[in-house]
């Protein structure tokens, strides 16, 4: 991510693939999210599904 700082400053977003880019507002928020803490607060039965057809997930 740090290597893409110039791209973020120039265009307002960083491109990960030809069709996926993340802009500054998303990147600003993601660093404040403590995923382990948030998931621990979920008390209802929950199913999280993520398919394997995503080109960024191996």
PDB file of N, CA and C in Angstrom:
ATOM      1  N   UNK A   1       0.830  -1.198   0.000  1.00  0.00           N
ATOM      2  CA  UNK A   1       0.000   0.000   0.000  1.00  0.00           C
ATOM      3  C   UNK A   1       0.866   1.250   0.000  1.00  0.00           C
ATOM      4  N   UNK A   2       1.929   1.258   0.791  1.00  0.00           N
ATOM      5  CA  UNK A   2       2.767   2.454   0.857  1.00  0.00           C
ATOM      6  C   UNK A   2       3.385   2.794  -0.488  1.00  0.00           C
ATOM      7  N   UNK A   3       3.656   1.788  -1.293  1.00  0.00           N
ATOM      8  CA  UNK A   3       4.229   2.045  -2.612  1.00  0.00           C
ATOM      9  C   UNK A   3       3.237   2.769  -3.514  1.00  0.00           C
ATOM     10  N   UNK A   4       1.986   2.730  -3.181  1.00  0.00           N
ATOM     11  CA  UNK A   4       0.961   3.347  -4.023  1.00  0.00           C
ATOM     12  C   UNK A   4       0.532   4.710  -3.511  1.00  0.00           C
ATOM     13  N   UNK A   5       1.278   5.270  -2.584  1.00  0.00           N
ATOM     14  CA  UNK A   5       0.947   6.575  -2.035  1.00  0.00           C
ATOM     15  C   UNK A   5       0.901   7.655  -3.099  1.00  0.00           C
ATOM     16  N   UNK A   6       1.819   7.601  -4.041  1.00  0.00           N
ATOM     17  CA  UNK A   6       1.827   8.592  -5.121  1.00  0.00           C
ATOM     18  C   UNK A   6       0.570   8.508  -5.967  1.00  0.00           C
ATOM     19  N   UNK A   7       0.164   7.297  -6.279  1.00  0.00           N
ATOM     20  CA  UNK A   7      -1.060   7.097  -7.058  1.00  0.00           C
ATOM     21  C   UNK A   7      -2.273   7.619  -6.287  1.00  0.00           C
ATOM     22  N   UNK A   8      -2.313   7.356  -4.984  1.00  0.00           N
ATOM     23  CA  UNK A   8      -3.411   7.834  -4.145  1.00  0.00           C
ATOM     24  C   UNK A   8      -3.445   9.361  -4.127  1.00  0.00           C
ATOM     25  N   UNK A   9      -2.289   9.991  -4.008  1.00  0.00           N
ATOM     26  CA  UNK A   9      -2.228  11.449  -4.001  1.00  0.00           C
ATOM     27  C   UNK A   9      -2.607  12.048  -5.349  1.00  0.00           C
ATOM     28  N   UNK A  10      -2.193  11.406  -6.428  1.00  0.00           N
ATOM     29  CA  UNK A  10      -2.450  11.947  -7.764  1.00  0.00           C
ATOM     30  C   UNK A  10      -3.893  11.744  -8.225  1.00  0.00           C
ATOM     31  N   UNK A  11      -4.454  10.552  -7.952  1.00  0.00           N
ATOM     32  CA  UNK A  11      -5.771  10.230  -8.502  1.00  0.00           C
ATOM     33  C   UNK A  11      -6.873  10.138  -7.452  1.00  0.00           C
ATOM     34  N   UNK A  12      -6.493  10.087  -6.169  1.00  0.00           N
ATOM     35  CA  UNK A  12      -7.482   9.951  -5.112  1.00  0.00           C
ATOM     36  C   UNK A  12      -7.873   8.518  -4.831  1.00  0.00           C
ATOM     37  N   UNK A  13      -7.210   7.556  -5.497  1.00  0.00           N
ATOM     38  CA  UNK A  13      -7.526   6.143  -5.300  1.00  0.00           C
ATOM     39  C   UNK A  13      -6.301   5.305  -5.639  1.00  0.00           C
ATOM     40  N   UNK A  14      -6.302   4.072  -5.142  1.00  0.00           N
ATOM     41  CA  UNK A  14      -5.267   3.108  -5.530  1.00  0.00           C
ATOM     42  C   UNK A  14      -5.949   1.977  -6.271  1.00  0.00           C
ATOM     43  N   UNK A  15      -5.385   1.589  -7.382  1.00  0.00           N
ATOM     44  CA  UNK A  15      -5.961   0.534  -8.220  1.00  0.00           C
ATOM     45  C   UNK A  15      -5.264  -0.783  -7.902  1.00  0.00           C
ATOM     46  N   UNK A  16      -6.072  -1.794  -7.552  1.00  0.00           N
ATOM     47  CA  UNK A  16      -5.540  -3.111  -7.248  1.00  0.00           C
ATOM     48  C   UNK A  16      -5.595  -4.024  -8.454  1.00  0.00           C
ATOM     49  N   UNK A  17      -6.641  -3.905  -9.240  1.00  0.00           N
ATOM     50  CA  UNK A  17      -6.774  -4.635 -10.506  1.00  0.00           C
ATOM     51  C   UNK A  17      -7.384  -3.658 -11.503  1.00  0.00           C
ATOM     52  N   UNK A  18      -7.609  -4.133 -12.708  1.00  0.00           N
ATOM     53  CA  UNK A  18      -8.195  -3.265 -13.735  1.00  0.00           C
ATOM     54  C   UNK A  18      -9.588  -2.784 -13.341  1.00  0.00           C
ATOM     55  N   UNK A  19     -10.279  -3.553 -12.493  1.00  0.00           N
ATOM     56  CA  UNK A  19     -11.651  -3.195 -12.142  1.00  0.00           C
ATOM     57  C   UNK A  19     -11.848  -2.865 -10.673  1.00  0.00           C
ATOM     58  N   UNK A  20     -10.805  -2.962  -9.854  1.00  0.00           N
ATOM     59  CA  UNK A  20     -10.956  -2.718  -8.416  1.00  0.00           C
ATOM     60  C   UNK A  20     -10.014  -1.624  -7.955  1.00  0.00           C
ATOM     61  N   UNK A  21     -10.594  -0.580  -7.380  1.00  0.00           N
ATOM     62  CA  UNK A  21      -9.787   0.479  -6.794  1.00  0.00           C
ATOM     63  C   UNK A  21     -10.401   0.884  -5.459  1.00  0.00           C
ATOM     64  N   UNK A  22      -9.572   1.359  -4.556  1.00  0.00           N
ATOM     65  CA  UNK A  22     -10.034   1.837  -3.257  1.00  0.00           C
ATOM     66  C   UNK A  22      -9.677   3.309  -3.145  1.00  0.00           C
ATOM     67  N   UNK A  23     -10.661   4.111  -2.727  1.00  0.00           N
ATOM     68  CA  UNK A  23     -10.419   5.543  -2.627  1.00  0.00           C
ATOM     69  C   UNK A  23     -10.062   5.927  -1.190  1.00  0.00           C
ATOM     70  N   UNK A  24      -9.677   7.165  -1.026  1.00  0.00           N
ATOM     71  CA  UNK A  24      -9.195   7.658   0.265  1.00  0.00           C
ATOM     72  C   UNK A  24     -10.203   7.494   1.403  1.00  0.00           C
ATOM     73  N   UNK A  25     -11.511   7.794   1.204  1.00  0.00           N
ATOM     74  CA  UNK A  25     -12.444   7.608   2.319  1.00  0.00           C
ATOM     75  C   UNK A  25     -12.488   6.165   2.839  1.00  0.00           C
ATOM     76  N   UNK A  26     -12.463   5.197   1.945  1.00  0.00           N
ATOM     77  CA  UNK A  26     -12.462   3.800   2.388  1.00  0.00           C
ATOM     78  C   UNK A  26     -11.180   3.484   3.145  1.00  0.00           C
ATOM     79  N   UNK A  27     -10.055   3.895   2.624  1.00  0.00           N
ATOM     80  CA  UNK A  27      -8.775   3.616   3.282  1.00  0.00           C
ATOM     81  C   UNK A  27      -8.685   4.317   4.637  1.00  0.00           C
ATOM     82  N   UNK A  28      -9.261   5.498   4.753  1.00  0.00           N
ATOM     83  CA  UNK A  28      -9.269   6.194   6.044  1.00  0.00           C
ATOM     84  C   UNK A  28     -10.072   5.412   7.077  1.00  0.00           C
ATOM     85  N   UNK A  29     -11.173   4.815   6.693  1.00  0.00           N
ATOM     86  CA  UNK A  29     -12.040   4.087   7.620  1.00  0.00           C
ATOM     87  C   UNK A  29     -11.479   2.721   8.004  1.00  0.00           C
ATOM     88  N   UNK A  30     -10.869   2.034   7.068  1.00  0.00           N
ATOM     89  CA  UNK A  30     -10.461   0.648   7.308  1.00  0.00           C
ATOM     90  C   UNK A  30      -9.436   0.539   8.437  1.00  0.00           C
ATOM     91  N   UNK A  31      -8.637   1.549   8.640  1.00  0.00           N
ATOM     92  CA  UNK A  31      -7.623   1.488   9.693  1.00  0.00           C
ATOM     93  C   UNK A  31      -8.215   1.669  11.085  1.00  0.00           C
ATOM     94  N   UNK A  32      -9.457   2.150  11.170  1.00  0.00           N
ATOM     95  CA  UNK A  32     -10.120   2.323  12.459  1.00  0.00           C
ATOM     96  C   UNK A  32     -10.935   1.103  12.850  1.00  0.00           C
ATOM     97  N   UNK A  33     -11.110   0.166  11.952  1.00  0.00           N
ATOM     98  CA  UNK A  33     -11.938  -1.001  12.203  1.00  0.00           C
ATOM     99  C   UNK A  33     -11.096  -2.127  12.799  1.00  0.00           C
ATOM    100  N   UNK A  34     -11.464  -2.544  14.009  1.00  0.00           N
ATOM    101  CA  UNK A  34     -10.807  -3.678  14.654  1.00  0.00           C
ATOM    102  C   UNK A  34     -11.715  -4.886  14.429  1.00  0.00           C
ATOM    103  N   UNK A  35     -11.441  -5.637  13.384  1.00  0.00           N
ATOM    104  CA  UNK A  35     -12.320  -6.712  12.954  1.00  0.00           C
ATOM    105  C   UNK A  35     -12.538  -7.758  14.044  1.00  0.00           C
ATOM    106  N   UNK A  36     -11.502  -8.159  14.743  1.00  0.00           N
ATOM    107  CA  UNK A  36     -11.635  -9.159  15.803  1.00  0.00           C
ATOM    108  C   UNK A  36     -12.581  -8.655  16.895  1.00  0.00           C
ATOM    109  N   UNK A  37     -12.431  -7.411  17.257  1.00  0.00           N
ATOM    110  CA  UNK A  37     -13.289  -6.819  18.287  1.00  0.00           C
ATOM    111  C   UNK A  37     -14.745  -6.749  17.826  1.00  0.00           C
ATOM    112  N   UNK A  38     -14.964  -6.323  16.604  1.00  0.00           N
ATOM    113  CA  UNK A  38     -16.318  -6.195  16.072  1.00  0.00           C
ATOM    114  C   UNK A  38     -16.979  -7.566  15.952  1.00  0.00           C
ATOM    115  N   UNK A  39     -16.269  -8.544  15.438  1.00  0.00           N
ATOM    116  CA  UNK A  39     -16.846  -9.884  15.299  1.00  0.00           C
ATOM    117  C   UNK A  39     -17.188 -10.484  16.655  1.00  0.00           C
ATOM    118  N   UNK A  40     -16.410 -10.179  17.660  1.00  0.00           N
ATOM    119  CA  UNK A  40     -16.664 -10.709  19.004  1.00  0.00           C
ATOM    120  C   UNK A  40     -17.954 -10.150  19.593  1.00  0.00           C
ATOM    121  N   UNK A  41     -18.422  -9.021  19.108  1.00  0.00           N
ATOM    122  CA  UNK A  41     -19.648  -8.404  19.625  1.00  0.00           C
ATOM    123  C   UNK A  41     -20.918  -8.991  19.009  1.00  0.00           C
ATOM    124  N   UNK A  42     -20.797  -9.757  17.957  1.00  0.00           N
ATOM    125  CA  UNK A  42     -21.968 -10.346  17.310  1.00  0.00           C
ATOM    126  C   UNK A  42     -22.462 -11.503  18.171  1.00  0.00           C
ATOM    127  N   UNK A  43     -23.706 -11.420  18.624  1.00  0.00           N
ATOM    128  CA  UNK A  43     -24.251 -12.457  19.503  1.00  0.00           C
ATOM    129  C   UNK A  43     -25.294 -13.324  18.808  1.00  0.00           C
ATOM    130  N   UNK A  44     -25.834 -12.865  17.713  1.00  0.00           N
ATOM    131  CA  UNK A  44     -26.839 -13.642  16.985  1.00  0.00           C
ATOM    132  C   UNK A  44     -26.152 -14.678  16.108  1.00  0.00           C
ATOM    133  N   UNK A  45     -26.808 -15.804  15.858  1.00  0.00           N
ATOM    134  CA  UNK A  45     -26.236 -16.770  14.915  1.00  0.00           C
ATOM    135  C   UNK A  45     -25.975 -16.071  13.575  1.00  0.00           C
ATOM    136  N   UNK A  46     -24.787 -16.222  13.080  1.00  0.00           N
ATOM    137  CA  UNK A  46     -24.379 -15.476  11.893  1.00  0.00           C
ATOM    138  C   UNK A  46     -23.619 -16.380  10.933  1.00  0.00           C
ATOM    139  N   UNK A  47     -23.945 -16.299   9.678  1.00  0.00           N
ATOM    140  CA  UNK A  47     -23.246 -17.042   8.644  1.00  0.00           C
ATOM    141  C   UNK A  47     -22.579 -16.038   7.715  1.00  0.00           C
ATOM    142  N   UNK A  48     -21.282 -16.148   7.589  1.00  0.00           N
ATOM    143  CA  UNK A  48     -20.538 -15.278   6.678  1.00  0.00           C
ATOM    144  C   UNK A  48     -20.078 -16.146   5.515  1.00  0.00           C
ATOM    145  N   UNK A  49     -20.498 -15.773   4.324  1.00  0.00           N
ATOM    146  CA  UNK A  49     -20.185 -16.565   3.131  1.00  0.00           C
ATOM    147  C   UNK A  49     -19.374 -15.708   2.178  1.00  0.00           C
ATOM    148  N   UNK A  50     -18.314 -16.277   1.678  1.00  0.00           N
ATOM    149  CA  UNK A  50     -17.521 -15.599   0.656  1.00  0.00           C
ATOM    150  C   UNK A  50     -17.170 -16.634  -0.399  1.00  0.00           C
ATOM    151  N   UNK A  51     -17.594 -16.397  -1.605  1.00  0.00           N
ATOM    152  CA  UNK A  51     -17.324 -17.347  -2.677  1.00  0.00           C
ATOM    153  C   UNK A  51     -15.867 -17.371  -3.070  1.00  0.00           C
ATOM    154  N   UNK A  52     -15.475 -18.399  -3.762  1.00  0.00           N
ATOM    155  CA  UNK A  52     -14.083 -18.515  -4.189  1.00  0.00           C
ATOM    156  C   UNK A  52     -13.844 -18.007  -5.603  1.00  0.00           C
ATOM    157  N   UNK A  53     -14.870 -17.446  -6.216  1.00  0.00           N
ATOM    158  CA  UNK A  53     -14.732 -16.927  -7.572  1.00  0.00           C
ATOM    159  C   UNK A  53     -14.130 -15.530  -7.588  1.00  0.00           C
ATOM    160  N   UNK A  54     -13.899 -14.947  -6.421  1.00  0.00           N
ATOM    161  CA  UNK A  54     -13.288 -13.627  -6.343  1.00  0.00           C
ATOM    162  C   UNK A  54     -11.835 -13.729  -6.799  1.00  0.00           C
ATOM    163  N   UNK A  55     -11.458 -12.922  -7.735  1.00  0.00           N
ATOM    164  CA  UNK A  55     -10.106 -13.008  -8.286  1.00  0.00           C
ATOM    165  C   UNK A  55      -9.029 -12.560  -7.305  1.00  0.00           C
ATOM    166  N   UNK A  56      -9.433 -11.874  -6.224  1.00  0.00           N
ATOM    167  CA  UNK A  56      -8.449 -11.415  -5.255  1.00  0.00           C
ATOM    168  C   UNK A  56      -8.319 -12.354  -4.060  1.00  0.00           C
ATOM    169  N   UNK A  57      -9.148 -13.370  -3.987  1.00  0.00           N
ATOM    170  CA  UNK A  57      -9.090 -14.329  -2.889  1.00  0.00           C
ATOM    171  C   UNK A  57      -8.571 -15.646  -3.422  1.00  0.00           C
ATOM    172  N   UNK A  58      -7.575 -16.184  -2.748  1.00  0.00           N
ATOM    173  CA  UNK A  58      -7.028 -17.463  -3.211  1.00  0.00           C
ATOM    174  C   UNK A  58      -7.360 -18.568  -2.249  1.00  0.00           C
TER     175      UNK A  58
END
